[in-house]
Amino acid sequence: MEIGLKLLGIIIIAIGIVCVYDARRITNKFFSTSDTNTATRNLKIVGFIIAVIGSILVIV
């Protein structure tokens, strides 16, 4: 069970890092050009929060 939580945490961290790193590319694909800056900022914030949640799972 503990190994499963650590593995899940590492996967969640990876998803969060990809959200932060590729935020501009992801928002260009799904949003219009006027919403790109706001959506990029929001996606980076969400990606950071997801990475923090994943790291909590790894630590616990």
Foldseek 3Di string as FASTA:
>chain_A
DLVVLLVVLVVQLVQLVCQQVCLQVVCVVPHDPVCRVVSSVVSNVVSVVSNVVSVVSNVD
